[in-house]
Protein backbone atom coordinates (compact mmCIF):
# COMPACT_ATOMS: atom_id res chain seq x y z
CA UNK A 1 0.00 0.00 0.00
CA UNK A 2 1.14 3.57 -0.72
CA UNK A 3 0.54 6.58 1.52
CA UNK A 4 0.73 9.80 -0.47
CA UNK A 5 1.45 12.83 1.71
CA UNK A 6 0.81 16.11 -0.16
CA UNK A 7 1.32 19.46 1.59
CA UNK A 8 0.75 22.93 0.15
CA UNK A 9 -0.41 26.47 0.78
CA UNK A 10 -3.34 28.15 -0.86
CA UNK A 11 -2.56 30.66 -3.60
CA UNK A 12 -2.39 34.27 -2.39
CA UNK A 13 -5.65 35.16 -4.15
CA UNK A 14 -7.45 31.90 -3.32
CA UNK A 15 -10.69 31.93 -1.39
CA UNK A 16 -10.72 29.24 1.30
CA UNK A 17 -14.41 28.49 0.73
CA UNK A 18 -13.73 27.98 -3.00
CA UNK A 19 -10.84 25.66 -2.16
CA UNK A 20 -12.98 23.61 0.23
CA UNK A 21 -15.74 23.34 -2.39
CA UNK A 22 -13.23 22.21 -5.02
CA UNK A 23 -11.73 19.72 -2.57
CA UNK A 24 -15.18 18.25 -1.86
CA UNK A 25 -15.76 17.90 -5.61
CA UNK A 26 -12.48 16.02 -6.06
CA UNK A 27 -13.37 13.83 -3.08
CA UNK A 28 -16.80 12.97 -4.53
CA UNK A 29 -16.34 13.13 -8.30
CA UNK A 30 -12.74 12.13 -8.99
CA UNK A 31 -10.81 10.31 -6.26
CA UNK A 32 -13.18 7.35 -5.69
CA UNK A 33 -13.10 6.50 -9.39
CA UNK A 34 -9.30 6.34 -9.70
CA UNK A 35 -7.83 2.87 -10.14
CA UNK A 36 -6.21 1.72 -6.88
CA UNK A 37 -7.75 4.43 -4.73
CA UNK A 38 -8.41 3.48 -1.10
CA UNK A 39 -9.01 6.63 0.95
CA UNK A 40 -8.35 10.39 0.91
CA UNK A 41 -8.59 13.07 3.60
CA UNK A 42 -7.77 16.77 3.80
CA UNK A 43 -6.49 18.66 6.84
CA UNK A 44 -5.39 22.19 7.69
CA UNK A 45 -2.36 22.87 9.86
CA UNK A 46 -1.95 25.66 12.40
CA UNK A 47 0.67 27.35 10.20
CA UNK A 48 -1.63 27.75 7.18
CA UNK A 49 -0.36 24.71 5.30
CA UNK A 50 -2.76 22.08 4.05
CA UNK A 51 -2.36 18.31 3.83
CA UNK A 52 -4.05 15.82 1.55
CA UNK A 53 -3.31 12.25 2.60
CA UNK A 54 -4.29 9.59 0.08
CA UNK A 55 -3.99 5.81 0.32
CA UNK A 56 -3.36 3.82 -2.86
CA UNK A 57 -2.90 0.12 -3.52
CA UNK A 58 0.23 0.69 -5.64
CA UNK A 59 2.60 3.51 -6.58
CA UNK A 60 1.62 3.15 -10.24
CA UNK A 61 -1.98 3.96 -9.23
CA UNK A 62 -0.90 7.17 -7.46
CA UNK A 63 1.26 8.16 -10.42
CA UNK A 64 -1.57 7.63 -12.91
CA UNK A 65 -4.01 9.62 -10.76
CA UNK A 66 -1.60 12.57 -10.62
CA UNK A 67 -2.21 13.06 -14.35
CA UNK A 68 -6.01 13.14 -13.99
CA UNK A 69 -7.65 15.98 -15.92
CA UNK A 70 -11.12 17.19 -14.94
CA UNK A 71 -12.97 20.39 -14.12
CA UNK A 72 -12.94 19.45 -10.42
CA UNK A 73 -9.16 18.91 -10.40
CA UNK A 74 -8.60 22.14 -12.35
CA UNK A 75 -10.69 24.10 -9.82
CA UNK A 76 -8.64 22.63 -6.98
CA UNK A 77 -5.32 23.43 -8.66
CA UNK A 78 -6.42 27.05 -9.21
CA UNK A 79 -6.62 27.46 -5.42
CA UNK A 80 -3.17 26.03 -4.66
CA UNK A 81 0.19 27.81 -4.77
CA UNK A 82 2.14 25.45 -7.08
CA UNK A 83 5.51 26.52 -5.64
CA UNK A 84 4.43 25.30 -2.19
CA UNK A 85 3.41 21.77 -3.21
CA UNK A 86 5.44 18.92 -1.71
CA UNK A 87 4.52 15.29 -2.40
CA UNK A 88 6.06 12.28 -0.67
CA UNK A 89 4.93 8.68 -1.15
CA UNK A 90 5.54 6.06 1.50
CA UNK A 91 5.34 2.28 1.10
CA UNK A 92 3.74 0.50 4.02
CA UNK A 93 5.50 -2.46 5.55
CA UNK A 94 2.46 -4.63 6.15
C-alpha atoms as a PDB file:
ATOM      1  CA  UNK A   1       0.000   0.000   0.000  1.00  0.00           C
ATOM      2  CA  UNK A   2       1.144   3.574  -0.717  1.00  0.00           C
ATOM      3  CA  UNK A   3       0.542   6.580   1.520  1.00  0.00           C
ATOM      4  CA  UNK A   4       0.730   9.798  -0.472  1.00  0.00           C
ATOM      5  CA  UNK A   5       1.454  12.825   1.713  1.00  0.00           C
ATOM      6  CA  UNK A   6       0.811  16.113  -0.162  1.00  0.00           C
ATOM      7  CA  UNK A   7       1.324  19.460   1.593  1.00  0.00           C
ATOM      8  CA  UNK A   8       0.752  22.926   0.151  1.00  0.00           C
ATOM      9  CA  UNK A   9      -0.413  26.471   0.783  1.00  0.00           C
ATOM     10  CA  UNK A  10      -3.338  28.147  -0.856  1.00  0.00           C
ATOM     11  CA  UNK A  11      -2.561  30.665  -3.602  1.00  0.00           C
ATOM     12  CA  UNK A  12      -2.391  34.271  -2.393  1.00  0.00           C
ATOM     13  CA  UNK A  13      -5.647  35.156  -4.154  1.00  0.00           C
ATOM     14  CA  UNK A  14      -7.448  31.903  -3.319  1.00  0.00           C
ATOM     15  CA  UNK A  15     -10.687  31.930  -1.394  1.00  0.00           C
ATOM     16  CA  UNK A  16     -10.722  29.240   1.296  1.00  0.00           C
ATOM     17  CA  UNK A  17     -14.411  28.489   0.725  1.00  0.00           C
ATOM     18  CA  UNK A  18     -13.731  27.982  -2.998  1.00  0.00           C
ATOM     19  CA  UNK A  19     -10.843  25.662  -2.157  1.00  0.00           C
ATOM     20  CA  UNK A  20     -12.984  23.609   0.229  1.00  0.00           C
ATOM     21  CA  UNK A  21     -15.743  23.339  -2.386  1.00  0.00           C
ATOM     22  CA  UNK A  22     -13.226  22.214  -5.016  1.00  0.00           C
ATOM     23  CA  UNK A  23     -11.729  19.718  -2.572  1.00  0.00           C
ATOM     24  CA  UNK A  24     -15.180  18.251  -1.861  1.00  0.00           C
ATOM     25  CA  UNK A  25     -15.758  17.902  -5.612  1.00  0.00           C
ATOM     26  CA  UNK A  26     -12.477  16.020  -6.059  1.00  0.00           C
ATOM     27  CA  UNK A  27     -13.373  13.833  -3.081  1.00  0.00           C
ATOM     28  CA  UNK A  28     -16.799  12.970  -4.531  1.00  0.00           C
ATOM     29  CA  UNK A  29     -16.343  13.130  -8.302  1.00  0.00           C
ATOM     30  CA  UNK A  30     -12.740  12.128  -8.994  1.00  0.00           C
ATOM     31  CA  UNK A  31     -10.812  10.309  -6.265  1.00  0.00           C
ATOM     32  CA  UNK A  32     -13.179   7.352  -5.690  1.00  0.00           C
ATOM     33  CA  UNK A  33     -13.105   6.503  -9.391  1.00  0.00           C
ATOM     34  CA  UNK A  34      -9.305   6.336  -9.700  1.00  0.00           C
ATOM     35  CA  UNK A  35      -7.833   2.869 -10.140  1.00  0.00           C
ATOM     36  CA  UNK A  36      -6.209   1.716  -6.885  1.00  0.00           C
ATOM     37  CA  UNK A  37      -7.754   4.435  -4.727  1.00  0.00           C
ATOM     38  CA  UNK A  38      -8.407   3.477  -1.102  1.00  0.00           C
ATOM     39  CA  UNK A  39      -9.011   6.633   0.945  1.00  0.00           C
ATOM     40  CA  UNK A  40      -8.349  10.391   0.910  1.00  0.00           C
ATOM     41  CA  UNK A  41      -8.592  13.070   3.598  1.00  0.00           C
ATOM     42  CA  UNK A  42      -7.767  16.771   3.797  1.00  0.00           C
ATOM     43  CA  UNK A  43      -6.487  18.664   6.840  1.00  0.00           C
ATOM     44  CA  UNK A  44      -5.392  22.192   7.693  1.00  0.00           C
ATOM     45  CA  UNK A  45      -2.358  22.871   9.857  1.00  0.00           C
ATOM     46  CA  UNK A  46      -1.953  25.664  12.399  1.00  0.00           C
ATOM     47  CA  UNK A  47       0.674  27.351  10.198  1.00  0.00           C
ATOM     48  CA  UNK A  48      -1.627  27.755   7.180  1.00  0.00           C
ATOM     49  CA  UNK A  49      -0.360  24.709   5.303  1.00  0.00           C
ATOM     50  CA  UNK A  50      -2.756  22.078   4.054  1.00  0.00           C
ATOM     51  CA  UNK A  51      -2.362  18.312   3.828  1.00  0.00           C
ATOM     52  CA  UNK A  52      -4.054  15.820   1.552  1.00  0.00           C
ATOM     53  CA  UNK A  53      -3.307  12.254   2.602  1.00  0.00           C
ATOM     54  CA  UNK A  54      -4.294   9.589   0.077  1.00  0.00           C
ATOM     55  CA  UNK A  55      -3.992   5.814   0.319  1.00  0.00           C
ATOM     56  CA  UNK A  56      -3.361   3.817  -2.858  1.00  0.00           C
ATOM     57  CA  UNK A  57      -2.905   0.123  -3.522  1.00  0.00           C
ATOM     58  CA  UNK A  58       0.229   0.691  -5.641  1.00  0.00           C
ATOM     59  CA  UNK A  59       2.602   3.505  -6.583  1.00  0.00           C
ATOM     60  CA  UNK A  60       1.623   3.146 -10.239  1.00  0.00           C
ATOM     61  CA  UNK A  61      -1.981   3.960  -9.232  1.00  0.00           C
ATOM     62  CA  UNK A  62      -0.895   7.165  -7.462  1.00  0.00           C
ATOM     63  CA  UNK A  63       1.264   8.158 -10.424  1.00  0.00           C
ATOM     64  CA  UNK A  64      -1.569   7.629 -12.906  1.00  0.00           C
ATOM     65  CA  UNK A  65      -4.006   9.618 -10.763  1.00  0.00           C
ATOM     66  CA  UNK A  66      -1.602  12.573 -10.623  1.00  0.00           C
ATOM     67  CA  UNK A  67      -2.214  13.062 -14.355  1.00  0.00           C
ATOM     68  CA  UNK A  68      -6.015  13.142 -13.988  1.00  0.00           C
ATOM     69  CA  UNK A  69      -7.650  15.977 -15.922  1.00  0.00           C
ATOM     70  CA  UNK A  70     -11.120  17.188 -14.942  1.00  0.00           C
ATOM     71  CA  UNK A  71     -12.969  20.392 -14.115  1.00  0.00           C
ATOM     72  CA  UNK A  72     -12.939  19.447 -10.416  1.00  0.00           C
ATOM     73  CA  UNK A  73      -9.160  18.906 -10.396  1.00  0.00           C
ATOM     74  CA  UNK A  74      -8.598  22.142 -12.347  1.00  0.00           C
ATOM     75  CA  UNK A  75     -10.687  24.104  -9.821  1.00  0.00           C
ATOM     76  CA  UNK A  76      -8.639  22.626  -6.976  1.00  0.00           C
ATOM     77  CA  UNK A  77      -5.322  23.432  -8.664  1.00  0.00           C
ATOM     78  CA  UNK A  78      -6.419  27.047  -9.209  1.00  0.00           C
ATOM     79  CA  UNK A  79      -6.621  27.456  -5.421  1.00  0.00           C
ATOM     80  CA  UNK A  80      -3.165  26.033  -4.658  1.00  0.00           C
ATOM     81  CA  UNK A  81       0.194  27.809  -4.769  1.00  0.00           C
ATOM     82  CA  UNK A  82       2.138  25.455  -7.078  1.00  0.00           C
ATOM     83  CA  UNK A  83       5.505  26.520  -5.639  1.00  0.00           C
ATOM     84  CA  UNK A  84       4.427  25.296  -2.195  1.00  0.00           C
ATOM     85  CA  UNK A  85       3.409  21.765  -3.209  1.00  0.00           C
ATOM     86  CA  UNK A  86       5.436  18.921  -1.709  1.00  0.00           C
ATOM     87  CA  UNK A  87       4.516  15.287  -2.396  1.00  0.00           C
ATOM     88  CA  UNK A  88       6.056  12.280  -0.675  1.00  0.00           C
ATOM     89  CA  UNK A  89       4.932   8.681  -1.153  1.00  0.00           C
ATOM     90  CA  UNK A  90       5.543   6.063   1.500  1.00  0.00           C
ATOM     91  CA  UNK A  91       5.339   2.284   1.102  1.00  0.00           C
ATOM     92  CA  UNK A  92       3.739   0.502   4.023  1.00  0.00           C
ATOM     93  CA  UNK A  93       5.504  -2.460   5.552  1.00  0.00           C
ATOM     94  CA  UNK A  94       2.460  -4.634   6.153  1.00  0.00           C
END
